[in-house]
C-alpha cells in the first residue's frame, strides 16, 4: 500500500520560511518523480515543483525564485524549502509520487501566511 505523509506546515508571518517534508512508503521511492502541489479553496490542485530520479528539478511560476525541492532517497523523503513567503502562499500543500500507472498523493499539510 502506497502511503505519503506530509508535515511541516503551519502559521508563518509574511517573509518567513517553512520546510515541508513528505515521507513515502510502499513504492520504489528512488525510481519515481516526486512533486509538490498546492491547492487553495475552490481551486484545482496545481504543481509547485518536481524532482526526478536524476535530481533534475522543475518549478512552476514564481516558485523558482523562492522554493527549493530536494529528496533524500535513504529516508524516502522529499522536501520543499519555502522562503520569503507571502499571503498568496496560503493553501494546502501535498506531495505526489508519479509512477508509470498513476500519481499518488498525500493528504496534505496546511500553510497559512499571515501577520
N, C-alpha and C. Protein backbone atom coordinates (compact mmCIF):
# COMPACT_ATOMS: atom_id res chain seq x y z
N UNK A 1 0.84 -1.18 0.00
CA UNK A 1 0.00 0.00 0.00
C UNK A 1 0.88 1.25 0.00
N UNK A 2 0.64 2.10 -0.97
CA UNK A 2 1.41 3.34 -1.08
C UNK A 2 0.88 4.36 -0.09
N UNK A 3 1.79 4.95 0.68
CA UNK A 3 1.40 5.99 1.63
C UNK A 3 2.35 7.16 1.53
N UNK A 4 1.79 8.35 1.57
CA UNK A 4 2.56 9.58 1.59
C UNK A 4 2.06 10.41 2.77
N UNK A 5 2.97 10.94 3.53
CA UNK A 5 2.56 11.72 4.70
C UNK A 5 3.39 12.98 4.78
N UNK A 6 2.69 14.12 4.63
CA UNK A 6 3.37 15.41 4.68
C UNK A 6 3.42 15.96 6.10
N UNK A 7 4.39 16.81 6.34
CA UNK A 7 4.49 17.52 7.62
C UNK A 7 5.24 18.81 7.40
N UNK A 8 5.20 19.67 8.40
CA UNK A 8 5.97 20.91 8.33
C UNK A 8 5.16 22.16 8.07
N UNK A 9 3.88 22.01 7.80
CA UNK A 9 3.05 23.19 7.59
C UNK A 9 2.77 23.92 8.89
N UNK A 10 2.13 25.08 8.77
CA UNK A 10 1.79 25.84 9.95
C UNK A 10 1.56 27.29 9.62
N UNK A 11 1.53 28.11 10.66
CA UNK A 11 1.33 29.54 10.51
C UNK A 11 2.68 30.25 10.51
N UNK A 12 2.89 31.11 9.55
CA UNK A 12 4.15 31.85 9.45
C UNK A 12 3.84 33.28 9.05
N UNK A 13 4.65 34.20 9.49
CA UNK A 13 4.46 35.60 9.12
C UNK A 13 4.97 35.86 7.71
N UNK A 14 4.44 36.87 7.06
CA UNK A 14 4.95 37.23 5.73
C UNK A 14 6.46 37.43 5.75
N UNK A 15 7.14 36.91 4.75
CA UNK A 15 8.59 36.96 4.69
C UNK A 15 9.28 35.80 5.37
N UNK A 16 8.52 34.98 6.06
CA UNK A 16 9.08 33.85 6.77
C UNK A 16 9.35 32.64 5.88
N UNK A 17 9.83 31.58 6.50
CA UNK A 17 10.19 30.36 5.78
C UNK A 17 9.58 29.14 6.45
N UNK A 18 9.37 28.12 5.65
CA UNK A 18 8.94 26.81 6.14
C UNK A 18 9.62 25.73 5.31
N UNK A 19 9.82 24.59 5.94
CA UNK A 19 10.34 23.43 5.23
C UNK A 19 9.33 22.30 5.37
N UNK A 20 8.77 21.90 4.25
CA UNK A 20 7.82 20.80 4.23
C UNK A 20 8.55 19.49 3.96
N UNK A 21 8.06 18.43 4.57
CA UNK A 21 8.62 17.09 4.35
C UNK A 21 7.51 16.13 3.97
N UNK A 22 7.87 15.12 3.21
CA UNK A 22 6.91 14.09 2.82
C UNK A 22 7.62 12.75 2.83
N UNK A 23 7.16 11.88 3.70
CA UNK A 23 7.72 10.53 3.80
C UNK A 23 6.84 9.58 3.01
N UNK A 24 7.49 8.75 2.20
CA UNK A 24 6.77 7.85 1.29
C UNK A 24 7.09 6.40 1.61
N UNK A 25 6.09 5.56 1.53
CA UNK A 25 6.29 4.13 1.70
C UNK A 25 5.44 3.38 0.70
N UNK A 26 5.83 2.12 0.42
CA UNK A 26 5.03 1.28 -0.45
C UNK A 26 5.37 1.33 -1.91
N UNK A 27 6.43 2.05 -2.28
CA UNK A 27 6.89 2.05 -3.67
C UNK A 27 8.40 2.29 -3.70
N UNK A 28 8.98 2.08 -4.88
CA UNK A 28 10.42 2.27 -5.05
C UNK A 28 10.69 3.77 -5.15
N UNK A 29 10.86 4.39 -4.00
CA UNK A 29 10.95 5.85 -3.93
C UNK A 29 12.01 6.40 -4.87
N UNK A 30 13.18 5.78 -4.91
CA UNK A 30 14.29 6.36 -5.67
C UNK A 30 14.08 6.26 -7.17
N UNK A 31 13.07 5.54 -7.62
CA UNK A 31 12.82 5.38 -9.04
C UNK A 31 11.74 6.31 -9.58
N UNK A 32 11.11 7.04 -8.70
CA UNK A 32 9.95 7.84 -9.10
C UNK A 32 10.17 9.33 -8.98
N UNK A 33 9.53 10.06 -9.88
CA UNK A 33 9.50 11.51 -9.80
C UNK A 33 8.57 11.93 -8.66
N UNK A 34 9.06 12.84 -7.85
CA UNK A 34 8.29 13.34 -6.72
C UNK A 34 7.96 14.81 -6.94
N UNK A 35 6.76 15.18 -6.58
CA UNK A 35 6.35 16.56 -6.77
C UNK A 35 5.65 17.13 -5.55
N UNK A 36 5.65 18.44 -5.48
CA UNK A 36 4.86 19.16 -4.50
C UNK A 36 3.78 19.94 -5.24
N UNK A 37 2.58 19.93 -4.65
CA UNK A 37 1.43 20.57 -5.26
C UNK A 37 0.76 21.47 -4.23
N UNK A 38 0.00 22.44 -4.71
CA UNK A 38 -0.74 23.31 -3.83
C UNK A 38 -2.20 23.36 -4.27
N UNK A 39 -3.06 23.55 -3.29
CA UNK A 39 -4.48 23.67 -3.61
C UNK A 39 -5.13 24.66 -2.64
N UNK A 40 -5.62 25.74 -3.21
CA UNK A 40 -6.35 26.73 -2.43
C UNK A 40 -7.84 26.42 -2.51
N UNK A 41 -8.62 26.87 -1.55
CA UNK A 41 -10.07 26.60 -1.57
C UNK A 41 -10.71 27.05 -2.87
N UNK A 42 -11.47 26.15 -3.47
CA UNK A 42 -12.17 26.47 -4.70
C UNK A 42 -11.34 26.34 -5.95
N UNK A 43 -10.06 25.98 -5.79
CA UNK A 43 -9.16 25.85 -6.94
C UNK A 43 -8.72 24.40 -7.12
N UNK A 44 -8.26 24.09 -8.30
CA UNK A 44 -7.73 22.77 -8.56
C UNK A 44 -6.31 22.66 -8.02
N UNK A 45 -5.88 21.42 -7.81
CA UNK A 45 -4.51 21.17 -7.39
C UNK A 45 -3.56 21.61 -8.50
N UNK A 46 -2.50 22.31 -8.12
CA UNK A 46 -1.54 22.83 -9.10
C UNK A 46 -0.13 22.43 -8.69
N UNK A 47 0.69 22.13 -9.69
CA UNK A 47 2.07 21.75 -9.45
C UNK A 47 2.88 22.94 -8.96
N UNK A 48 3.69 22.70 -7.93
CA UNK A 48 4.63 23.71 -7.45
C UNK A 48 6.04 23.40 -7.97
N UNK A 49 6.45 22.16 -7.82
CA UNK A 49 7.79 21.75 -8.25
C UNK A 49 7.86 20.23 -8.30
N UNK A 50 8.80 19.73 -9.10
CA UNK A 50 9.05 18.29 -9.06
C UNK A 50 10.54 18.02 -9.20
N UNK A 51 10.92 16.82 -8.77
CA UNK A 51 12.30 16.37 -8.86
C UNK A 51 12.28 14.92 -9.32
N UNK A 52 13.07 14.59 -10.34
CA UNK A 52 13.06 13.22 -10.84
C UNK A 52 14.20 12.40 -10.22
N UNK A 53 14.32 11.18 -10.68
CA UNK A 53 15.31 10.29 -10.07
C UNK A 53 16.74 10.69 -10.40
N UNK A 54 16.89 11.54 -11.42
CA UNK A 54 18.22 12.05 -11.77
C UNK A 54 18.53 13.35 -11.05
N UNK A 55 17.62 13.77 -10.21
CA UNK A 55 17.73 15.02 -9.43
C UNK A 55 17.54 16.26 -10.30
N UNK A 56 16.97 16.09 -11.49
CA UNK A 56 16.55 17.24 -12.27
C UNK A 56 15.31 17.82 -11.61
N UNK A 57 15.25 19.14 -11.59
CA UNK A 57 14.12 19.81 -10.94
C UNK A 57 13.39 20.73 -11.90
N UNK A 58 12.13 20.98 -11.59
CA UNK A 58 11.31 21.91 -12.37
C UNK A 58 10.42 22.66 -11.39
N UNK A 59 10.30 23.96 -11.62
CA UNK A 59 9.46 24.79 -10.78
C UNK A 59 8.42 25.51 -11.62
N UNK A 60 7.25 25.69 -11.04
CA UNK A 60 6.19 26.41 -11.71
C UNK A 60 6.17 27.85 -11.24
N UNK A 61 6.04 28.76 -12.18
CA UNK A 61 5.85 30.16 -11.88
C UNK A 61 6.90 30.74 -10.96
N UNK A 62 6.46 31.49 -9.97
CA UNK A 62 7.36 32.21 -9.07
C UNK A 62 8.04 31.30 -8.06
N UNK A 63 7.65 30.02 -8.02
CA UNK A 63 8.27 29.10 -7.06
C UNK A 63 9.76 28.98 -7.29
N UNK A 64 10.19 29.18 -8.53
CA UNK A 64 11.60 29.01 -8.86
C UNK A 64 12.48 29.97 -8.07
N UNK A 65 11.96 31.13 -7.75
CA UNK A 65 12.77 32.14 -7.08
C UNK A 65 12.79 31.97 -5.57
N UNK A 66 11.80 31.28 -5.01
CA UNK A 66 11.68 31.25 -3.56
C UNK A 66 11.67 29.85 -2.96
N UNK A 67 11.41 28.82 -3.77
CA UNK A 67 11.28 27.47 -3.25
C UNK A 67 12.40 26.58 -3.77
N UNK A 68 12.74 25.56 -2.98
CA UNK A 68 13.72 24.57 -3.38
C UNK A 68 13.21 23.18 -3.04
N UNK A 69 13.13 22.32 -4.05
CA UNK A 69 12.71 20.94 -3.82
C UNK A 69 13.96 20.06 -3.77
N UNK A 70 13.94 19.08 -2.89
CA UNK A 70 15.07 18.15 -2.77
C UNK A 70 14.53 16.81 -2.28
N UNK A 71 15.39 15.80 -2.34
CA UNK A 71 14.98 14.48 -1.91
C UNK A 71 16.13 13.77 -1.22
N UNK A 72 15.77 12.88 -0.30
CA UNK A 72 16.73 12.02 0.38
C UNK A 72 16.25 10.59 0.18
N UNK A 73 16.87 9.89 -0.74
CA UNK A 73 16.42 8.54 -1.08
C UNK A 73 16.64 7.55 0.07
N UNK A 74 17.63 7.82 0.91
CA UNK A 74 17.87 6.94 2.05
C UNK A 74 16.73 7.02 3.07
N UNK A 75 16.05 8.17 3.10
CA UNK A 75 14.96 8.38 4.05
C UNK A 75 13.59 8.33 3.38
N UNK A 76 13.56 8.04 2.07
CA UNK A 76 12.29 8.02 1.33
C UNK A 76 11.51 9.32 1.56
N UNK A 77 12.21 10.42 1.52
CA UNK A 77 11.61 11.71 1.87
C UNK A 77 11.91 12.75 0.81
N UNK A 78 10.90 13.55 0.50
CA UNK A 78 11.06 14.69 -0.38
C UNK A 78 10.75 15.95 0.43
N UNK A 79 11.49 17.01 0.15
CA UNK A 79 11.37 18.25 0.90
C UNK A 79 11.00 19.42 -0.02
N UNK A 80 10.40 20.43 0.59
CA UNK A 80 10.16 21.69 -0.10
C UNK A 80 10.52 22.81 0.85
N UNK A 81 11.63 23.47 0.56
CA UNK A 81 12.04 24.64 1.34
C UNK A 81 11.38 25.87 0.72
N UNK A 82 10.63 26.58 1.53
CA UNK A 82 9.89 27.74 1.04
C UNK A 82 10.37 28.98 1.80
N UNK A 83 10.87 29.95 1.05
CA UNK A 83 11.40 31.17 1.64
C UNK A 83 10.62 32.40 1.20
N UNK A 84 10.72 33.46 1.98
CA UNK A 84 10.08 34.73 1.65
C UNK A 84 8.60 34.52 1.29
N UNK A 85 7.91 33.90 2.18
CA UNK A 85 6.51 33.56 1.92
C UNK A 85 5.61 34.79 2.01
N UNK A 86 4.66 34.85 1.10
CA UNK A 86 3.66 35.90 1.11
C UNK A 86 2.28 35.31 1.34
N UNK A 87 1.29 36.15 1.59
CA UNK A 87 -0.07 35.64 1.83
C UNK A 87 -0.59 34.75 0.70
N UNK A 88 -0.08 34.94 -0.50
CA UNK A 88 -0.54 34.11 -1.62
C UNK A 88 -0.10 32.65 -1.50
N UNK A 89 0.80 32.38 -0.57
CA UNK A 89 1.25 31.00 -0.36
C UNK A 89 0.31 30.23 0.56
N UNK A 90 -0.69 30.88 1.09
CA UNK A 90 -1.63 30.22 1.99
C UNK A 90 -2.49 29.23 1.23
N UNK A 91 -2.35 27.94 1.58
CA UNK A 91 -3.14 26.88 0.97
C UNK A 91 -2.68 25.55 1.56
N UNK A 92 -3.19 24.46 1.03
CA UNK A 92 -2.76 23.12 1.42
C UNK A 92 -1.73 22.62 0.41
N UNK A 93 -0.62 22.14 0.94
CA UNK A 93 0.44 21.60 0.09
C UNK A 93 0.46 20.08 0.25
N UNK A 94 0.51 19.39 -0.86
CA UNK A 94 0.58 17.94 -0.82
C UNK A 94 1.70 17.45 -1.72
N UNK A 95 2.23 16.29 -1.41
CA UNK A 95 3.25 15.71 -2.27
C UNK A 95 2.63 14.62 -3.12
N UNK A 96 3.26 14.37 -4.24
CA UNK A 96 2.76 13.36 -5.16
C UNK A 96 3.89 12.48 -5.66
N UNK A 97 3.64 11.22 -5.77
CA UNK A 97 4.59 10.25 -6.30
C UNK A 97 4.09 9.79 -7.66
N UNK A 98 4.85 10.15 -8.69
CA UNK A 98 4.43 9.84 -10.06
C UNK A 98 4.99 8.50 -10.48
N UNK A 99 4.12 7.51 -10.70
CA UNK A 99 4.54 6.21 -11.19
C UNK A 99 4.10 6.04 -12.63
N UNK A 100 4.44 4.91 -13.22
CA UNK A 100 4.05 4.65 -14.61
C UNK A 100 2.54 4.49 -14.77
N UNK A 101 1.85 4.19 -13.68
CA UNK A 101 0.41 3.94 -13.76
C UNK A 101 -0.40 5.14 -13.31
N UNK A 102 0.03 5.81 -12.29
CA UNK A 102 -0.75 6.90 -11.72
C UNK A 102 0.12 7.74 -10.82
N UNK A 103 -0.45 8.83 -10.32
CA UNK A 103 0.23 9.65 -9.31
C UNK A 103 -0.50 9.50 -7.99
N UNK A 104 0.25 9.14 -6.97
CA UNK A 104 -0.31 9.00 -5.63
C UNK A 104 -0.09 10.31 -4.87
N UNK A 105 -1.09 10.71 -4.09
CA UNK A 105 -0.99 11.95 -3.33
C UNK A 105 -1.17 11.69 -1.84
N UNK A 106 -0.54 12.53 -1.04
CA UNK A 106 -0.77 12.50 0.39
C UNK A 106 -1.93 13.40 0.77
N UNK A 107 -2.32 13.40 2.04
CA UNK A 107 -3.46 14.21 2.49
C UNK A 107 -3.16 15.69 2.53
N UNK A 108 -1.89 16.06 2.58
CA UNK A 108 -1.54 17.47 2.55
C UNK A 108 -1.22 18.04 3.93
N UNK A 109 -0.57 19.19 3.90
CA UNK A 109 -0.27 19.95 5.12
C UNK A 109 -0.62 21.41 4.84
N UNK A 110 -1.26 22.05 5.80
CA UNK A 110 -1.76 23.40 5.57
C UNK A 110 -0.71 24.45 5.93
N UNK A 111 -0.55 25.40 5.04
CA UNK A 111 0.34 26.54 5.26
C UNK A 111 -0.49 27.81 5.28
N UNK A 112 -0.31 28.58 6.32
CA UNK A 112 -1.00 29.87 6.44
C UNK A 112 0.03 30.96 6.64
N UNK A 113 -0.03 31.98 5.80
CA UNK A 113 0.90 33.10 5.88
C UNK A 113 0.09 34.33 6.27
N UNK A 114 0.35 34.82 7.48
CA UNK A 114 -0.43 35.95 7.98
C UNK A 114 0.32 36.63 9.12
N UNK A 115 0.11 37.93 9.22
CA UNK A 115 0.71 38.67 10.33
C UNK A 115 -0.26 38.74 11.50
